[in-house]
Amino acid sequence: MSEGSLTVGVLALQGAFDVHAAMLKQLGAHAQLIRRPEQLGGLDGLILPGGESTTFLKHLERDGFFETLAAFVRTKPTFGTCAGCILLARDVERPAQRSFGVLDVTVERNAYGRQIDSTILLTPTSIAGGPLEMVFIRAPKITRTGPEVDILASRAEAPVLVEQGHLMAATFHPELSTDTRIHQHFLDLVSRYKLQ
């Protein structure tokens, strides 16, 4: 299936959603910015971008958006980056907060330090093509993964890119790199699920 037949939404409440959308378009997919729950219909997949997870939750409290999005991520391909990873996680710590609880990981918020501790790393990955450039900005840390979670890349032995069934998550910002492999990997996942 070609990427041109895929429609992937990007939650556009905060964060670099426009950069995610531009990368999806560069790879040939139809990108749709999602700001209301009724816009989720007809999507083949969805990206939950970075930002501030508690701010996301405040935006999602209106119009039943949280519940509609929770139902979507249980069955449709979804990729959460940074704050999006926190929203997908089964358990959130330091402090605990509400999440969709669909990805079998425990996430510690802001575990890599403050904004001043942000960094760019080249990290090995199981995705073909050599090390990935990873941009960490006040990033969360995955401290536990369940048995169904595949680890695609790690930072000092902590998973930073994971996949579980129809879900993907990164604790960094792949949209801030020129490397499109992670978004392509997600589009490949979306294609597989659309064919089922």
N, C-alpha and C. Protein backbone atom coordinates (compact mmCIF):
# COMPACT_ATOMS: atom_id res chain seq x y z
N MET A 1 0.85 -1.20 0.00
CA MET A 1 0.00 0.00 0.00
C MET A 1 0.88 1.24 0.00
N SER A 2 0.58 2.21 -0.84
CA SER A 2 1.39 3.42 -0.91
C SER A 2 1.00 4.37 0.21
N GLU A 3 1.98 5.18 0.63
CA GLU A 3 1.70 6.16 1.68
C GLU A 3 0.64 7.16 1.24
N GLY A 4 0.52 7.39 -0.08
CA GLY A 4 -0.46 8.35 -0.57
C GLY A 4 -1.89 7.98 -0.29
N SER A 5 -2.12 6.70 0.01
CA SER A 5 -3.48 6.27 0.34
C SER A 5 -3.74 6.30 1.84
N LEU A 6 -2.77 6.77 2.62
CA LEU A 6 -2.91 6.83 4.07
C LEU A 6 -3.24 8.24 4.52
N THR A 7 -4.19 8.35 5.45
CA THR A 7 -4.50 9.63 6.08
C THR A 7 -4.13 9.52 7.55
N VAL A 8 -3.15 10.31 7.95
CA VAL A 8 -2.65 10.27 9.31
C VAL A 8 -2.90 11.62 9.97
N GLY A 9 -3.53 11.59 11.12
CA GLY A 9 -3.79 12.81 11.86
C GLY A 9 -2.62 13.17 12.76
N VAL A 10 -2.52 14.45 13.08
CA VAL A 10 -1.56 14.93 14.07
C VAL A 10 -2.36 15.79 15.05
N LEU A 11 -2.36 15.38 16.33
CA LEU A 11 -3.07 16.15 17.33
C LEU A 11 -2.46 17.54 17.39
N ALA A 12 -3.26 18.57 17.12
CA ALA A 12 -2.74 19.93 16.91
C ALA A 12 -3.21 20.86 18.02
N LEU A 13 -2.97 20.47 19.27
CA LEU A 13 -3.36 21.30 20.41
C LEU A 13 -2.18 22.09 20.95
N GLN A 14 -0.97 21.55 20.80
CA GLN A 14 0.27 22.22 21.19
C GLN A 14 1.42 21.41 20.63
N GLY A 15 2.64 21.90 20.81
CA GLY A 15 3.81 21.18 20.31
C GLY A 15 4.05 21.44 18.84
N ALA A 16 5.04 20.74 18.28
CA ALA A 16 5.47 20.95 16.89
C ALA A 16 4.65 20.09 15.93
N PHE A 17 3.33 20.19 16.04
CA PHE A 17 2.44 19.37 15.21
C PHE A 17 2.61 19.65 13.72
N ASP A 18 2.90 20.92 13.40
CA ASP A 18 3.06 21.28 11.99
C ASP A 18 4.30 20.62 11.38
N VAL A 19 5.35 20.42 12.19
CA VAL A 19 6.56 19.78 11.70
C VAL A 19 6.31 18.29 11.45
N HIS A 20 5.56 17.66 12.35
CA HIS A 20 5.16 16.27 12.11
C HIS A 20 4.37 16.16 10.81
N ALA A 21 3.40 17.07 10.63
CA ALA A 21 2.57 17.04 9.43
C ALA A 21 3.40 17.21 8.17
N ALA A 22 4.38 18.12 8.22
CA ALA A 22 5.25 18.35 7.05
C ALA A 22 6.05 17.09 6.73
N MET A 23 6.51 16.38 7.76
CA MET A 23 7.30 15.17 7.52
C MET A 23 6.42 14.07 6.92
N LEU A 24 5.19 13.94 7.40
CA LEU A 24 4.26 12.97 6.83
C LEU A 24 4.01 13.27 5.35
N LYS A 25 3.80 14.54 5.03
CA LYS A 25 3.57 14.94 3.64
C LYS A 25 4.80 14.66 2.78
N GLN A 26 5.98 14.93 3.34
CA GLN A 26 7.24 14.65 2.62
C GLN A 26 7.33 13.17 2.25
N LEU A 27 6.78 12.31 3.11
CA LEU A 27 6.82 10.86 2.88
C LEU A 27 5.63 10.38 2.04
N GLY A 28 4.77 11.29 1.62
CA GLY A 28 3.69 10.94 0.70
C GLY A 28 2.35 10.64 1.33
N ALA A 29 2.22 10.80 2.64
CA ALA A 29 0.94 10.55 3.30
C ALA A 29 0.10 11.83 3.32
N HIS A 30 -1.20 11.66 3.49
CA HIS A 30 -2.09 12.81 3.72
C HIS A 30 -2.06 13.11 5.22
N ALA A 31 -1.66 14.33 5.58
CA ALA A 31 -1.61 14.72 6.98
C ALA A 31 -2.79 15.62 7.30
N GLN A 32 -3.43 15.36 8.42
CA GLN A 32 -4.60 16.14 8.82
C GLN A 32 -4.41 16.62 10.25
N LEU A 33 -4.51 17.91 10.49
CA LEU A 33 -4.39 18.46 11.84
C LEU A 33 -5.69 18.25 12.58
N ILE A 34 -5.59 17.69 13.79
CA ILE A 34 -6.77 17.31 14.58
C ILE A 34 -6.89 18.22 15.79
N ARG A 35 -8.00 18.95 15.86
CA ARG A 35 -8.24 19.85 16.99
C ARG A 35 -9.55 19.57 17.70
N ARG A 36 -10.39 18.72 17.12
CA ARG A 36 -11.69 18.39 17.72
C ARG A 36 -11.94 16.89 17.63
N PRO A 37 -12.68 16.31 18.58
CA PRO A 37 -12.86 14.85 18.60
C PRO A 37 -13.52 14.30 17.34
N GLU A 38 -14.42 15.06 16.73
CA GLU A 38 -15.11 14.55 15.54
C GLU A 38 -14.18 14.41 14.34
N GLN A 39 -13.00 15.02 14.39
CA GLN A 39 -12.05 14.93 13.28
C GLN A 39 -11.29 13.61 13.25
N LEU A 40 -11.45 12.78 14.28
CA LEU A 40 -10.73 11.51 14.34
C LEU A 40 -11.31 10.48 13.37
N GLY A 41 -12.55 10.65 12.98
CA GLY A 41 -13.19 9.70 12.08
C GLY A 41 -12.48 9.65 10.73
N GLY A 42 -12.27 8.47 10.21
CA GLY A 42 -11.67 8.31 8.89
C GLY A 42 -10.16 8.32 8.87
N LEU A 43 -9.51 8.49 10.02
CA LEU A 43 -8.05 8.47 10.05
C LEU A 43 -7.54 7.03 10.03
N ASP A 44 -6.41 6.83 9.37
CA ASP A 44 -5.74 5.53 9.40
C ASP A 44 -4.77 5.42 10.57
N GLY A 45 -4.31 6.55 11.06
CA GLY A 45 -3.38 6.58 12.18
C GLY A 45 -3.31 7.99 12.74
N LEU A 46 -2.58 8.13 13.86
CA LEU A 46 -2.53 9.42 14.56
C LEU A 46 -1.18 9.58 15.24
N ILE A 47 -0.66 10.80 15.22
CA ILE A 47 0.54 11.16 15.98
C ILE A 47 0.14 12.08 17.13
N LEU A 48 0.58 11.73 18.33
CA LEU A 48 0.43 12.59 19.51
C LEU A 48 1.78 13.25 19.73
N PRO A 49 1.93 14.55 19.42
CA PRO A 49 3.25 15.18 19.45
C PRO A 49 3.70 15.52 20.87
N GLY A 50 4.91 16.09 20.94
CA GLY A 50 5.42 16.57 22.21
C GLY A 50 4.69 17.84 22.64
N GLY A 51 5.09 18.33 23.78
CA GLY A 51 4.44 19.48 24.39
C GLY A 51 4.49 19.28 25.89
N GLU A 52 3.47 19.72 26.59
CA GLU A 52 3.41 19.54 28.04
C GLU A 52 2.19 18.68 28.33
N SER A 53 2.41 17.51 28.91
CA SER A 53 1.34 16.52 29.02
C SER A 53 0.16 16.99 29.87
N THR A 54 0.41 17.75 30.94
CA THR A 54 -0.72 18.22 31.74
C THR A 54 -1.53 19.25 30.96
N THR A 55 -0.87 20.04 30.12
CA THR A 55 -1.60 20.99 29.27
C THR A 55 -2.45 20.25 28.25
N PHE A 56 -1.89 19.17 27.66
CA PHE A 56 -2.68 18.33 26.77
C PHE A 56 -3.95 17.86 27.46
N LEU A 57 -3.81 17.37 28.68
CA LEU A 57 -4.97 16.83 29.40
C LEU A 57 -6.03 17.91 29.62
N LYS A 58 -5.61 19.14 29.91
CA LYS A 58 -6.58 20.24 30.09
C LYS A 58 -7.35 20.48 28.80
N HIS A 59 -6.64 20.47 27.65
CA HIS A 59 -7.31 20.67 26.36
C HIS A 59 -8.28 19.52 26.06
N LEU A 60 -7.91 18.31 26.49
CA LEU A 60 -8.71 17.13 26.17
C LEU A 60 -9.93 16.96 27.08
N GLU A 61 -10.04 17.78 28.11
CA GLU A 61 -11.18 17.68 29.02
C GLU A 61 -12.48 18.19 28.40
N ARG A 62 -12.40 18.95 27.33
CA ARG A 62 -13.61 19.55 26.76
C ARG A 62 -14.22 18.66 25.67
N ASP A 63 -15.51 18.71 25.55
CA ASP A 63 -16.26 18.06 24.47
C ASP A 63 -16.06 16.54 24.40
N GLY A 64 -15.72 15.91 25.52
CA GLY A 64 -15.52 14.46 25.51
C GLY A 64 -14.33 14.02 24.69
N PHE A 65 -13.36 14.93 24.47
CA PHE A 65 -12.21 14.64 23.60
C PHE A 65 -11.36 13.50 24.19
N PHE A 66 -11.15 13.52 25.52
CA PHE A 66 -10.30 12.48 26.13
C PHE A 66 -10.88 11.10 25.87
N GLU A 67 -12.18 10.94 26.10
CA GLU A 67 -12.81 9.64 25.94
C GLU A 67 -12.79 9.18 24.48
N THR A 68 -13.04 10.11 23.55
CA THR A 68 -13.02 9.76 22.12
C THR A 68 -11.62 9.36 21.68
N LEU A 69 -10.63 10.10 22.15
CA LEU A 69 -9.25 9.79 21.80
C LEU A 69 -8.80 8.48 22.45
N ALA A 70 -9.24 8.23 23.68
CA ALA A 70 -8.91 6.98 24.36
C ALA A 70 -9.43 5.78 23.57
N ALA A 71 -10.63 5.89 23.04
CA ALA A 71 -11.20 4.80 22.23
C ALA A 71 -10.41 4.63 20.94
N PHE A 72 -9.97 5.73 20.34
CA PHE A 72 -9.19 5.67 19.10
C PHE A 72 -7.88 4.94 19.32
N VAL A 73 -7.12 5.33 20.34
CA VAL A 73 -5.78 4.77 20.53
C VAL A 73 -5.81 3.30 20.95
N ARG A 74 -6.94 2.83 21.44
CA ARG A 74 -7.04 1.40 21.80
C ARG A 74 -7.02 0.50 20.58
N THR A 75 -7.43 1.03 19.41
CA THR A 75 -7.58 0.16 18.24
C THR A 75 -6.85 0.64 16.99
N LYS A 76 -6.49 1.92 16.90
CA LYS A 76 -5.90 2.48 15.68
C LYS A 76 -4.42 2.79 15.88
N PRO A 77 -3.61 2.65 14.84
CA PRO A 77 -2.19 2.97 14.96
C PRO A 77 -1.97 4.39 15.47
N THR A 78 -1.17 4.49 16.53
CA THR A 78 -0.90 5.78 17.17
C THR A 78 0.56 5.84 17.57
N PHE A 79 1.18 7.00 17.32
CA PHE A 79 2.59 7.23 17.64
C PHE A 79 2.66 8.42 18.57
N GLY A 80 3.14 8.21 19.78
CA GLY A 80 3.28 9.29 20.75
C GLY A 80 4.74 9.68 20.92
N THR A 81 5.05 10.97 20.78
CA THR A 81 6.42 11.45 20.96
C THR A 81 6.47 12.35 22.20
N CYS A 82 7.43 12.10 23.07
CA CYS A 82 7.66 12.90 24.27
C CYS A 82 6.38 12.96 25.12
N ALA A 83 5.67 14.07 25.16
CA ALA A 83 4.42 14.12 25.93
C ALA A 83 3.40 13.11 25.40
N GLY A 84 3.43 12.85 24.10
CA GLY A 84 2.54 11.84 23.53
C GLY A 84 2.83 10.46 24.08
N CYS A 85 4.11 10.17 24.34
CA CYS A 85 4.51 8.91 24.97
C CYS A 85 3.91 8.81 26.37
N ILE A 86 3.95 9.91 27.11
CA ILE A 86 3.38 9.95 28.46
C ILE A 86 1.88 9.66 28.40
N LEU A 87 1.19 10.26 27.44
CA LEU A 87 -0.26 10.06 27.32
C LEU A 87 -0.62 8.60 27.00
N LEU A 88 0.24 7.90 26.26
CA LEU A 88 -0.05 6.51 25.90
C LEU A 88 0.28 5.53 27.03
N ALA A 89 1.19 5.90 27.92
CA ALA A 89 1.75 4.98 28.91
C ALA A 89 0.71 4.42 29.86
N ARG A 90 0.93 3.16 30.27
CA ARG A 90 0.06 2.54 31.28
C ARG A 90 0.23 3.21 32.63
N ASP A 91 1.49 3.52 32.99
CA ASP A 91 1.77 4.13 34.29
C ASP A 91 2.65 5.37 34.10
N VAL A 92 2.29 6.45 34.80
CA VAL A 92 3.04 7.70 34.75
C VAL A 92 3.46 8.06 36.17
N GLU A 93 4.74 8.41 36.34
CA GLU A 93 5.28 8.70 37.67
C GLU A 93 5.96 10.06 37.71
N ARG A 94 6.07 10.59 38.92
CA ARG A 94 6.83 11.82 39.27
C ARG A 94 6.43 13.04 38.48
N PRO A 95 5.25 13.56 38.67
CA PRO A 95 4.18 12.97 39.47
C PRO A 95 3.28 12.07 38.62
N ALA A 96 2.47 11.29 39.30
CA ALA A 96 1.47 10.47 38.61
C ALA A 96 0.46 11.38 37.93
N GLN A 97 -0.06 10.93 36.79
CA GLN A 97 -1.12 11.69 36.13
C GLN A 97 -1.95 10.76 35.26
N ARG A 98 -3.07 11.25 34.84
CA ARG A 98 -3.98 10.48 33.99
C ARG A 98 -3.35 10.22 32.63
N SER A 99 -3.64 9.06 32.07
CA SER A 99 -3.14 8.73 30.73
C SER A 99 -4.14 7.77 30.08
N PHE A 100 -3.89 7.40 28.82
CA PHE A 100 -4.76 6.45 28.14
C PHE A 100 -4.48 5.02 28.57
N GLY A 101 -3.30 4.75 29.10
CA GLY A 101 -2.99 3.46 29.68
C GLY A 101 -2.95 2.29 28.71
N VAL A 102 -2.61 2.56 27.44
CA VAL A 102 -2.66 1.50 26.42
C VAL A 102 -1.30 0.89 26.11
N LEU A 103 -0.23 1.62 26.34
CA LEU A 103 1.13 1.13 26.05
C LEU A 103 1.72 0.61 27.36
N ASP A 104 2.15 -0.65 27.36
CA ASP A 104 2.58 -1.31 28.59
C ASP A 104 3.99 -0.87 29.00
N VAL A 105 4.09 0.40 29.39
CA VAL A 105 5.35 0.95 29.89
C VAL A 105 5.04 1.83 31.10
N THR A 106 6.07 2.04 31.91
CA THR A 106 6.03 3.05 32.96
C THR A 106 6.94 4.19 32.53
N VAL A 107 6.44 5.41 32.65
CA VAL A 107 7.17 6.59 32.21
C VAL A 107 7.35 7.54 33.39
N GLU A 108 8.57 8.03 33.53
CA GLU A 108 8.87 9.05 34.54
C GLU A 108 9.00 10.39 33.83
N ARG A 109 8.18 11.33 34.22
CA ARG A 109 8.14 12.63 33.54
C ARG A 109 9.41 13.44 33.79
N ASN A 110 9.87 14.15 32.76
CA ASN A 110 11.01 15.07 32.84
C ASN A 110 12.24 14.44 33.49
N ALA A 111 12.43 13.15 33.29
CA ALA A 111 13.49 12.42 34.01
C ALA A 111 14.89 12.81 33.57
N TYR A 112 15.04 13.36 32.36
CA TYR A 112 16.37 13.71 31.87
C TYR A 112 16.75 15.14 32.22
N GLY A 113 15.97 15.78 33.09
CA GLY A 113 16.35 17.12 33.56
C GLY A 113 15.52 18.23 32.96
N ARG A 114 15.96 19.45 33.24
CA ARG A 114 15.23 20.64 32.82
C ARG A 114 15.55 20.99 31.37
N GLN A 115 14.95 22.05 30.89
CA GLN A 115 15.16 22.50 29.51
C GLN A 115 16.64 22.68 29.19
N ILE A 116 17.40 23.18 30.16
CA ILE A 116 18.82 23.42 29.94
C ILE A 116 19.60 22.11 29.73
N ASP A 117 19.03 21.00 30.16
CA ASP A 117 19.69 19.70 30.00
C ASP A 117 19.33 19.01 28.68
N SER A 118 18.61 19.69 27.83
CA SER A 118 18.24 19.12 26.53
C SER A 118 19.50 18.79 25.73
N THR A 119 19.41 17.75 24.89
CA THR A 119 20.59 17.29 24.16
C THR A 119 20.20 16.60 22.86
N ILE A 120 21.17 16.49 21.96
CA ILE A 120 21.00 15.75 20.71
C ILE A 120 22.02 14.61 20.72
N LEU A 121 21.53 13.38 20.50
CA LEU A 121 22.40 12.20 20.52
C LEU A 121 22.26 11.42 19.23
N LEU A 122 23.32 10.72 18.85
CA LEU A 122 23.26 9.72 17.80
C LEU A 122 23.23 8.36 18.49
N THR A 123 22.16 7.60 18.26
CA THR A 123 21.92 6.39 19.04
C THR A 123 21.65 5.20 18.11
N PRO A 124 22.24 4.05 18.40
CA PRO A 124 21.95 2.85 17.60
C PRO A 124 20.47 2.48 17.66
N THR A 125 19.99 1.84 16.61
CA THR A 125 18.59 1.44 16.54
C THR A 125 18.48 0.16 15.73
N SER A 126 17.41 -0.57 15.96
CA SER A 126 17.16 -1.77 15.15
C SER A 126 16.51 -1.41 13.81
N ILE A 127 16.12 -0.14 13.62
CA ILE A 127 15.61 0.32 12.34
C ILE A 127 16.79 0.43 11.37
N ALA A 128 16.64 -0.10 10.18
CA ALA A 128 17.73 -0.13 9.20
C ALA A 128 18.23 1.28 8.88
N GLY A 129 19.56 1.39 8.64
CA GLY A 129 20.12 2.67 8.19
C GLY A 129 21.11 3.29 9.14
N GLY A 130 21.47 2.59 10.22
CA GLY A 130 22.48 3.13 11.13
C GLY A 130 21.88 3.95 12.25
N PRO A 131 22.74 4.60 13.05
CA PRO A 131 22.29 5.35 14.23
C PRO A 131 21.28 6.45 13.86
N LEU A 132 20.40 6.73 14.82
CA LEU A 132 19.39 7.78 14.66
C LEU A 132 19.80 9.03 15.43
N GLU A 133 19.53 10.19 14.84
CA GLU A 133 19.68 11.44 15.58
C GLU A 133 18.44 11.62 16.45
N MET A 134 18.66 11.85 17.74
CA MET A 134 17.54 11.97 18.68
C MET A 134 17.67 13.26 19.45
N VAL A 135 16.60 14.07 19.40
CA VAL A 135 16.55 15.36 20.07
C VAL A 135 15.73 15.21 21.35
N PHE A 136 16.39 15.35 22.50
CA PHE A 136 15.73 15.23 23.80
C PHE A 136 15.51 16.61 24.39
N ILE A 137 14.25 16.94 24.72
CA ILE A 137 13.90 18.22 25.33
C ILE A 137 13.03 17.93 26.56
N ARG A 138 13.59 18.10 27.75
CA ARG A 138 12.86 17.80 28.99
C ARG A 138 12.15 16.44 28.87
N ALA A 139 12.88 15.47 28.41
CA ALA A 139 12.28 14.21 27.98
C ALA A 139 11.86 13.32 29.14
N PRO A 140 10.79 12.54 28.93
CA PRO A 140 10.44 11.52 29.89
C PRO A 140 11.36 10.31 29.72
N LYS A 141 11.36 9.45 30.73
CA LYS A 141 12.18 8.24 30.70
C LYS A 141 11.28 7.02 30.87
N ILE A 142 11.45 6.05 29.99
CA ILE A 142 10.73 4.78 30.14
C ILE A 142 11.52 3.93 31.12
N THR A 143 10.92 3.63 32.27
CA THR A 143 11.61 2.89 33.33
C THR A 143 11.19 1.43 33.40
N ARG A 144 10.13 1.05 32.69
CA ARG A 144 9.67 -0.34 32.66
C ARG A 144 8.99 -0.60 31.34
N THR A 145 9.23 -1.77 30.74
CA THR A 145 8.49 -2.18 29.55
C THR A 145 7.88 -3.54 29.81
N GLY A 146 6.67 -3.74 29.30
CA GLY A 146 6.00 -5.03 29.41
C GLY A 146 6.53 -6.03 28.40
N PRO A 147 6.11 -7.29 28.53
CA PRO A 147 6.66 -8.35 27.67
C PRO A 147 6.29 -8.22 26.20
N GLU A 148 5.24 -7.48 25.87
CA GLU A 148 4.82 -7.33 24.47
C GLU A 148 5.45 -6.11 23.79
N VAL A 149 6.26 -5.37 24.53
CA VAL A 149 6.86 -4.13 24.00
C VAL A 149 8.21 -4.43 23.37
N ASP A 150 8.37 -4.04 22.10
CA ASP A 150 9.65 -4.16 21.40
C ASP A 150 10.44 -2.87 21.56
N ILE A 151 11.69 -2.98 21.96
CA ILE A 151 12.55 -1.81 22.13
C ILE A 151 13.35 -1.62 20.84
N LEU A 152 13.14 -0.49 20.18
CA LEU A 152 13.80 -0.20 18.90
C LEU A 152 15.07 0.63 19.07
N ALA A 153 15.20 1.33 20.20
CA ALA A 153 16.40 2.12 20.49
C ALA A 153 16.42 2.44 21.98
N SER A 154 17.64 2.61 22.51
CA SER A 154 17.81 2.91 23.94
C SER A 154 18.84 4.01 24.12
N ARG A 155 18.75 4.65 25.27
CA ARG A 155 19.74 5.65 25.71
C ARG A 155 20.24 5.21 27.08
N ALA A 156 21.51 4.84 27.16
CA ALA A 156 22.08 4.35 28.42
C ALA A 156 21.20 3.26 29.03
N GLU A 157 20.79 2.34 28.20
CA GLU A 157 19.99 1.17 28.58
C GLU A 157 18.53 1.47 28.90
N ALA A 158 18.11 2.72 28.85
CA ALA A 158 16.69 3.05 29.02
C ALA A 158 16.05 3.13 27.63
N PRO A 159 14.94 2.43 27.39
CA PRO A 159 14.29 2.50 26.08
C PRO A 159 13.87 3.93 25.74
N VAL A 160 14.09 4.32 24.48
CA VAL A 160 13.67 5.65 24.03
C VAL A 160 12.77 5.58 22.80
N LEU A 161 12.70 4.41 22.16
CA LEU A 161 11.82 4.20 21.01
C LEU A 161 11.28 2.78 21.12
N VAL A 162 9.95 2.68 21.23
CA VAL A 162 9.33 1.37 21.47
C VAL A 162 8.12 1.18 20.57
N GLU A 163 7.74 -0.09 20.43
CA GLU A 163 6.59 -0.45 19.61
C GLU A 163 5.85 -1.60 20.30
N GLN A 164 4.55 -1.53 20.32
CA GLN A 164 3.71 -2.60 20.87
C GLN A 164 2.46 -2.71 20.02
N GLY A 165 2.41 -3.74 19.19
CA GLY A 165 1.24 -3.91 18.33
C GLY A 165 1.04 -2.72 17.43
N HIS A 166 -0.10 -2.02 17.58
CA HIS A 166 -0.43 -0.87 16.74
C HIS A 166 0.09 0.45 17.30
N LEU A 167 0.90 0.39 18.37
CA LEU A 167 1.36 1.60 19.04
C LEU A 167 2.87 1.78 18.90
N MET A 168 3.30 3.02 18.79
CA MET A 168 4.72 3.38 18.83
C MET A 168 4.86 4.56 19.78
N ALA A 169 6.04 4.66 20.41
CA ALA A 169 6.30 5.82 21.26
C ALA A 169 7.79 6.12 21.26
N ALA A 170 8.11 7.41 21.35
CA ALA A 170 9.48 7.89 21.46
C ALA A 170 9.53 8.91 22.59
N THR A 171 10.61 8.87 23.38
CA THR A 171 10.75 9.86 24.44
C THR A 171 11.44 11.13 23.95
N PHE A 172 11.81 11.13 22.67
CA PHE A 172 12.50 12.28 22.07
C PHE A 172 11.61 12.85 20.96
N HIS A 173 12.17 13.76 20.16
CA HIS A 173 11.42 14.49 19.13
C HIS A 173 11.95 14.13 17.74
N PRO A 174 11.46 13.07 17.11
CA PRO A 174 11.96 12.71 15.78
C PRO A 174 11.63 13.73 14.71
N GLU A 175 10.62 14.54 14.94
CA GLU A 175 10.25 15.56 13.95
C GLU A 175 11.28 16.68 13.85
N LEU A 176 12.16 16.81 14.86
CA LEU A 176 13.16 17.86 14.86
C LEU A 176 14.47 17.43 14.21
N SER A 177 14.48 16.24 13.63
CA SER A 177 15.62 15.74 12.88
C SER A 177 15.25 15.73 11.40
N THR A 178 16.27 15.72 10.54
CA THR A 178 15.99 15.59 9.11
C THR A 178 15.83 14.11 8.72
N ASP A 179 16.11 13.20 9.64
CA ASP A 179 16.00 11.76 9.39
C ASP A 179 14.53 11.36 9.45
N THR A 180 14.01 10.83 8.35
CA THR A 180 12.58 10.49 8.26
C THR A 180 12.28 9.03 8.59
N ARG A 181 13.28 8.27 9.01
CA ARG A 181 13.07 6.82 9.17
C ARG A 181 12.02 6.46 10.22
N ILE A 182 11.94 7.21 11.29
CA ILE A 182 10.97 6.87 12.34
C ILE A 182 9.55 7.11 11.84
N HIS A 183 9.32 8.22 11.18
CA HIS A 183 7.99 8.48 10.62
C HIS A 183 7.66 7.45 9.53
N GLN A 184 8.66 7.06 8.74
CA GLN A 184 8.42 6.02 7.73
C GLN A 184 8.08 4.69 8.40
N HIS A 185 8.75 4.38 9.49
CA HIS A 185 8.45 3.15 10.23
C HIS A 185 7.01 3.16 10.72
N PHE A 186 6.56 4.33 11.20
CA PHE A 186 5.17 4.44 11.64
C PHE A 186 4.21 4.28 10.47
N LEU A 187 4.51 4.89 9.34
CA LEU A 187 3.64 4.74 8.17
C LEU A 187 3.58 3.29 7.72
N ASP A 188 4.69 2.57 7.82
CA ASP A 188 4.68 1.14 7.49
C ASP A 188 3.76 0.38 8.44
N LEU A 189 3.79 0.74 9.71
CA LEU A 189 2.90 0.12 10.70
C LEU A 189 1.44 0.42 10.36
N VAL A 190 1.15 1.68 10.03
CA VAL A 190 -0.22 2.07 9.66
C VAL A 190 -0.69 1.27 8.45
N SER A 191 0.18 1.12 7.47
CA SER A 191 -0.16 0.33 6.26
C SER A 191 -0.52 -1.09 6.62
N ARG A 192 0.28 -1.72 7.47
CA ARG A 192 0.01 -3.10 7.88
C ARG A 192 -1.35 -3.23 8.53
N TYR A 193 -1.68 -2.28 9.41
CA TYR A 193 -2.96 -2.37 10.11
C TYR A 193 -4.14 -2.04 9.21
N LYS A 194 -3.92 -1.20 8.20
CA LYS A 194 -5.00 -0.89 7.28
C LYS A 194 -5.35 -2.10 6.42
N LEU A 195 -4.37 -2.94 6.14
CA LEU A 195 -4.58 -4.13 5.31
C LEU A 195 -5.25 -5.28 6.07
N GLN A 196 -5.27 -5.19 7.40
CA GLN A 196 -5.87 -6.28 8.19
C GLN A 196 -7.38 -6.30 8.12
